[in-house]
Amino acid sequence: MCTYITVTTDVDGSAKGPGGKWFRVNDAAAYYDHPVHAMAEHTLNVDLTDPSAGPGRRIALELTAGSAQRLIDAIQQALDAAPDELKAG
C-alpha cells in the first residue's frame, strides 16, 4: 500500500447507497493510492461513511487526478454561485 497521506474530516450530509437507500454520512477520508476498481495506476479515493452503522454504510469514489481536480473546480463554482445566506454550516 502506498498511500501518500490520508486526510479525514467531519462532514454533515447524506449519501445514497446500494438499493437506492439514503443514509447519513458524517466522516470523509481522501487519499491518493492504487484503486480497487478504477482502470488507472493511482486514483484519488474518497470514502464517505457513517462509522456508527458499520462498514456497509460507505460510499467510495475512485477518481483519476484530472477527474478529481475537475470535481473540485465544479464544487467550488457551485458554492461560489450560491447566495451566502444559504451556505450556513
Protein backbone atom coordinates (compact mmCIF):
# COMPACT_ATOMS: atom_id res chain seq x y z
CA MET A 1 0.00 0.00 0.00
CA CYS A 2 1.47 3.35 -0.96
CA THR A 3 -0.97 5.89 0.41
CA TYR A 4 0.83 9.18 0.48
CA ILE A 5 -1.43 10.79 3.07
CA THR A 6 -4.94 10.16 4.27
CA VAL A 7 -6.89 13.28 5.11
CA THR A 8 -10.01 12.87 7.21
CA THR A 9 -12.69 15.36 8.15
CA ASP A 10 -16.11 15.52 9.71
CA VAL A 11 -18.95 16.09 7.26
CA ASP A 12 -22.68 16.60 7.62
CA GLY A 13 -24.76 15.14 4.83
CA SER A 14 -26.43 12.16 3.21
CA ALA A 15 -25.46 9.60 0.60
CA LYS A 16 -27.45 7.14 -1.48
CA GLY A 17 -26.15 3.61 -1.11
CA PRO A 18 -26.86 0.22 -2.63
CA GLY A 19 -30.52 -0.39 -3.30
CA GLY A 20 -31.19 3.34 -3.54
CA LYS A 21 -31.40 3.83 0.23
CA TRP A 22 -30.25 7.11 1.72
CA PHE A 23 -28.12 7.23 4.85
CA ARG A 24 -26.39 9.88 6.88
CA VAL A 25 -22.66 10.45 6.40
CA ASN A 26 -20.53 12.16 9.00
CA ASP A 27 -16.96 11.11 8.14
CA ALA A 28 -14.94 11.64 4.98
CA ALA A 29 -11.49 10.39 4.03
CA ALA A 30 -9.44 11.31 0.96
CA TYR A 31 -6.23 9.60 -0.11
CA TYR A 32 -4.19 9.01 -3.26
CA ASP A 33 -3.42 5.32 -3.82
CA HIS A 34 -3.93 2.31 -6.06
CA PRO A 35 -7.63 1.88 -6.88
CA VAL A 36 -9.63 -1.26 -6.23
CA HIS A 37 -11.82 -0.99 -9.32
CA ALA A 38 -10.95 2.04 -11.49
CA MET A 39 -8.76 1.37 -14.50
CA ALA A 40 -5.85 3.61 -13.51
CA GLU A 41 -2.49 3.16 -11.82
CA HIS A 42 -3.39 5.58 -9.00
CA THR A 43 -6.56 7.45 -8.10
CA LEU A 44 -7.81 9.94 -5.59
CA ASN A 45 -10.03 7.84 -3.37
CA VAL A 46 -12.82 9.39 -1.33
CA ASP A 47 -14.82 7.47 1.28
CA LEU A 48 -17.98 8.90 2.84
CA THR A 49 -19.12 6.90 5.86
CA ASP A 50 -21.29 6.61 8.93
CA PRO A 51 -18.99 4.59 11.21
CA SER A 52 -21.73 4.03 13.78
CA ALA A 53 -23.70 1.99 11.23
CA GLY A 54 -20.91 -0.43 10.30
CA PRO A 55 -18.79 -0.93 7.20
CA GLY A 56 -21.81 -1.24 4.88
CA ARG A 57 -22.56 2.46 5.29
CA ARG A 58 -19.92 3.64 2.88
CA ILE A 59 -19.78 5.39 -0.45
CA ALA A 60 -16.42 5.07 -2.21
CA LEU A 61 -15.12 7.09 -5.16
CA GLU A 62 -12.00 6.38 -7.20
CA LEU A 63 -11.16 9.29 -9.50
CA THR A 64 -8.20 9.97 -11.73
CA ALA A 65 -6.25 13.06 -10.69
CA GLY A 66 -7.69 15.06 -13.60
CA SER A 67 -11.24 13.99 -12.80
CA ALA A 68 -10.75 14.81 -9.12
CA GLN A 69 -9.46 18.29 -9.97
CA ARG A 70 -12.44 18.92 -12.29
CA LEU A 71 -14.79 17.82 -9.50
CA ILE A 72 -13.05 20.16 -7.03
CA ASP A 73 -13.43 23.01 -9.54
CA ALA A 74 -17.11 22.20 -10.14
CA ILE A 75 -17.83 22.09 -6.40
CA GLN A 76 -16.08 25.44 -5.92
CA GLN A 77 -18.05 27.01 -8.78
CA ALA A 78 -21.35 25.72 -7.35
CA LEU A 79 -20.51 27.06 -3.88
CA ASP A 80 -19.37 30.41 -5.28
CA ALA A 81 -22.67 30.77 -7.16
CA ALA A 82 -24.87 30.07 -4.12
CA PRO A 83 -26.02 33.04 -2.01
CA ASP A 84 -24.06 33.38 1.24
CA GLU A 85 -27.24 33.23 3.35
CA LEU A 86 -27.92 29.72 2.06
CA LYS A 87 -24.45 28.39 2.98
CA ALA A 88 -24.86 28.05 6.74
CA GLY A 89 -22.90 25.20 8.34
